[in-house]
Protein backbone atom coordinates (compact mmCIF):
# COMPACT_ATOMS: atom_id res chain seq x y z
CA MET A 1 113.00 91.90 94.17
CA ALA A 2 110.51 89.44 92.74
CA TYR A 3 112.83 88.69 89.81
CA ASP A 4 115.76 88.34 92.20
CA HIS A 5 113.74 85.95 94.40
CA TYR A 6 112.68 83.97 91.35
CA MET A 7 116.29 83.56 90.20
CA ALA A 8 117.57 82.71 93.69
CA ILE A 9 114.86 80.09 94.32
CA CYS A 10 114.19 78.59 90.89
CA LYS A 11 117.65 78.84 89.29
CA PRO A 12 120.11 78.92 92.20
CA LEU A 13 123.04 77.49 90.22
CA HIS A 14 122.64 80.10 87.47
CA TYR A 15 121.92 83.00 89.84
CA THR A 16 125.38 84.64 89.79
CA THR A 17 125.58 84.41 86.01
CA ILE A 18 122.07 85.72 85.30
CA MET A 19 121.95 88.39 88.02
CA SER A 20 125.18 90.09 86.99
CA TRP A 21 125.96 93.72 87.81
CA THR A 22 124.96 94.66 84.25
CA VAL A 23 121.51 93.11 84.68
CA CYS A 24 121.08 94.78 88.08
CA HIS A 25 122.06 98.18 86.63
CA LEU A 26 119.68 97.69 83.69
CA LEU A 27 116.81 96.79 86.05
CA VAL A 28 117.45 99.86 88.22
CA ALA A 29 117.79 102.12 85.17
CA GLY A 30 114.61 100.73 83.61
CA PHE A 31 112.52 101.22 86.75
CA SER A 32 114.01 104.68 87.33
CA LEU A 33 113.14 105.67 83.76
CA GLY A 34 109.62 104.33 84.26
CA GLY A 35 109.25 106.40 87.44
CA ILE A 36 110.48 109.54 85.67
CA ILE A 37 108.05 109.03 82.77
CA HIS A 38 105.19 108.37 85.21
CA SER A 39 105.99 111.60 87.11
CA MET A 40 106.37 113.64 83.93
CA VAL A 41 102.93 112.56 82.68
CA GLN A 42 101.41 113.63 86.02
CA ILE A 43 103.14 117.01 85.79
CA LEU A 44 102.01 117.53 82.18
CA VAL A 45 98.41 116.64 83.11
CA THR A 46 98.28 119.16 85.97
CA VAL A 47 100.42 122.02 84.62
CA GLN A 48 97.93 122.88 81.86
CA LEU A 49 94.94 123.12 84.25
CA PRO A 50 93.58 126.61 85.05
CA PHE A 51 93.35 127.30 88.79
CA CYS A 52 91.28 130.27 89.88
CA GLY A 53 89.64 129.23 93.14
CA PRO A 54 90.98 128.63 96.63
CA ASN A 55 94.60 127.64 96.95
CA VAL A 56 94.11 125.16 99.80
CA ILE A 57 94.07 121.44 99.00
CA ASP A 58 91.70 119.38 101.13
CA HIS A 59 94.23 116.62 101.64
CA TYR A 60 97.36 115.80 103.66
CA PHE A 61 99.60 116.15 100.61
CA CYS A 62 99.34 117.26 96.99
CA ASP A 63 97.71 114.32 95.25
CA LEU A 64 96.10 114.54 91.82
CA HIS A 65 92.42 114.05 92.67
CA PRO A 66 92.34 116.75 95.41
CA LEU A 67 94.29 119.03 93.05
CA PHE A 68 91.72 118.47 90.28
CA LYS A 69 88.99 119.75 92.63
CA LEU A 70 90.71 123.17 92.65
CA ALA A 71 90.69 123.52 88.86
CA CYS A 72 88.25 125.92 87.22
CA THR A 73 87.41 123.51 84.43
CA ASP A 74 86.01 120.04 83.92
CA THR A 75 88.70 117.54 84.89
CA SER A 76 86.93 114.34 83.87
CA VAL A 77 89.41 113.69 81.04
CA GLU A 78 92.34 114.19 83.42
CA GLY A 79 90.62 111.84 85.88
CA VAL A 80 90.41 109.15 83.20
CA ILE A 81 94.12 109.69 82.40
CA VAL A 82 95.01 109.23 86.08
CA LEU A 83 92.78 106.16 86.26
CA ALA A 84 94.38 104.68 83.16
CA LYS A 85 97.93 105.59 84.10
CA SER A 86 98.16 105.16 87.88
CA GLY A 87 95.40 102.63 88.48
CA LEU A 88 96.15 100.32 85.59
CA LEU A 89 99.90 100.65 86.17
CA SER A 90 99.38 99.57 89.80
CA ILE A 91 97.25 96.59 88.78
CA PHE A 92 99.66 95.62 85.98
CA SER A 93 102.65 95.79 88.35
CA LEU A 94 100.81 93.78 91.00
CA LEU A 95 99.79 91.12 88.47
CA ILE A 96 103.39 90.73 87.27
CA LEU A 97 104.57 90.34 90.87
CA VAL A 98 101.79 87.88 91.74
CA TYR A 99 102.60 85.89 88.58
CA SER A 100 106.28 85.69 89.57
CA TYR A 101 105.38 84.42 93.06
CA VAL A 102 102.92 81.89 91.64
CA PHE A 103 105.70 80.69 89.36
CA ILE A 104 108.00 80.37 92.40
CA LEU A 105 105.34 78.38 94.29
CA VAL A 106 104.88 76.03 91.34
CA ASN A 107 108.63 75.42 91.20
CA LEU A 108 108.77 74.71 94.96
CA ARG A 109 106.79 71.48 94.55
CA ASN A 110 109.96 69.49 93.90
CA VAL A 111 111.95 71.05 96.75
CA SER A 112 112.40 69.60 100.23
CA ALA A 113 110.25 70.85 103.11
CA GLU A 114 113.18 72.77 104.61
CA GLY A 115 113.96 74.37 101.24
CA ARG A 116 110.29 75.33 100.81
CA ARG A 117 110.22 76.87 104.29
CA LYS A 118 113.32 78.97 103.57
CA ALA A 119 112.02 80.06 100.17
CA LEU A 120 108.61 81.03 101.53
CA SER A 121 110.24 82.88 104.42
CA THR A 122 112.27 84.88 101.90
CA CYS A 123 109.18 85.79 99.88
CA ALA A 124 106.80 86.42 102.80
CA SER A 125 108.18 89.81 103.82
CA HIS A 126 108.14 91.12 100.25
CA THR A 127 104.61 89.84 99.71
CA THR A 128 103.42 91.55 102.91
CA VAL A 129 104.86 94.88 101.78
CA LEU A 130 103.30 94.46 98.32
CA ILE A 131 99.86 93.91 99.81
CA LEU A 132 100.25 96.85 102.20
CA PHE A 133 101.29 99.17 99.36
CA PHE A 134 99.28 98.03 96.34
CA GLY A 135 96.00 97.45 98.19
CA PRO A 136 95.49 101.10 99.21
CA ALA A 137 97.04 102.45 95.99
CA ILE A 138 94.62 100.47 93.83
CA PHE A 139 91.74 101.51 96.10
CA LEU A 140 92.60 105.19 95.58
CA TYR A 141 93.37 105.22 91.88
CA MET A 142 91.02 102.59 90.43
CA ARG A 143 87.79 104.44 91.12
CA PRO A 144 86.36 107.84 90.25
CA PRO A 145 87.42 110.73 92.48
CA SER A 146 85.10 111.40 95.39
CA THR A 147 84.93 113.35 98.60
CA PHE A 148 85.14 110.15 100.63
CA THR A 149 86.84 111.06 103.94
CA GLY A 150 88.53 107.67 104.06
CA ASP A 151 90.66 108.66 101.06
CA LYS A 152 92.86 110.74 103.33
CA LEU A 153 93.35 107.87 105.76
CA VAL A 154 94.10 105.39 102.98
CA ALA A 155 96.55 107.85 101.39
CA VAL A 156 98.35 108.37 104.71
CA PHE A 157 98.45 104.60 105.22
CA TYR A 158 100.25 103.86 101.96
CA THR A 159 102.54 106.91 102.06
CA VAL A 160 103.45 106.91 105.76
CA VAL A 161 102.51 103.66 107.50
CA THR A 162 103.73 101.23 104.82
CA PRO A 163 107.22 102.80 104.46
CA THR A 164 107.45 102.94 108.25
CA LEU A 165 106.61 99.24 108.51
CA ASN A 166 109.10 98.23 105.76
CA PRO A 167 112.20 98.10 108.00
CA ILE A 168 110.26 96.27 110.69
CA ILE A 169 108.85 93.69 108.26
CA TYR A 170 112.21 93.03 106.60
CA THR A 171 114.26 92.89 109.82
CA LEU A 172 111.94 90.37 111.50
CA ARG A 173 113.65 87.75 109.31
CA ASN A 174 117.01 88.61 110.89
CA ALA A 175 118.07 86.03 113.51
CA GLU A 176 119.61 88.64 115.85
CA VAL A 177 116.41 90.70 115.79
CA LYS A 178 114.34 87.61 116.61
CA ILE A 179 116.61 86.80 119.57
CA ALA A 180 116.44 90.40 120.82
CA LEU A 181 112.63 90.38 120.58
CA LYS A 182 112.46 87.08 122.48
CA ARG A 183 114.76 88.51 125.14
CA LEU A 184 112.59 91.63 125.36
CA GLY A 185 109.46 89.48 125.67
CA SER A 186 111.02 87.32 128.39
CA GLY A 187 111.83 90.33 130.58
CA GLY A 188 115.53 90.51 129.73
CA ARG A 189 116.36 86.91 130.70
CA LYS A 190 118.93 85.17 128.54
CA VAL A 191 117.31 83.46 125.55
CA HIS A 192 119.15 80.63 123.80
CA SER A 193 119.01 80.74 120.02
CA GLY A 194 119.83 77.08 119.61
CA VAL A 195 122.95 77.95 117.62
CA GLY A 196 125.99 76.14 118.94
CA SER A 197 124.13 74.62 121.91
CA LYS A 198 123.30 70.96 122.43
């Protein structure tokens, strides 16, 4: 989405040529392949661990650090692998996205105020979701595993709350949704959108 926003805002006349179906398919295929490789590394790290203790994970779902606590061997090497793979991957992805948005902001200097407002409105929802997802993910994976009780809450936040908020965050930009929310807030009275009225 960041690349799409960059092309739409910074190179609007070239957008349809650059963002062709082939490029879109290549982007989706590349990110899907990256996700598969990321998952396969996690599976390979955990499948070779010996488990001989209790079979109950002290977590809301099967995450790597709680799973490592059930292993009958030292998992410090596996912890470093998770730190390097998940934590650094999260930070690297976030930095690329932040860089793209900084680049967009730099290019908005020469745009009219109305154009800047529209561009920033387009990017605001995506930026909000990025912060809500990457913040907790980096918090969980960029530090050594611990028995910190807040880990469960942070994990639930980025696996349940953030995806639940996604539709709400993205639809708040929709004009019809804004009108419906205004109508709801005004007790059902008719709210004029300003479209077509004098």
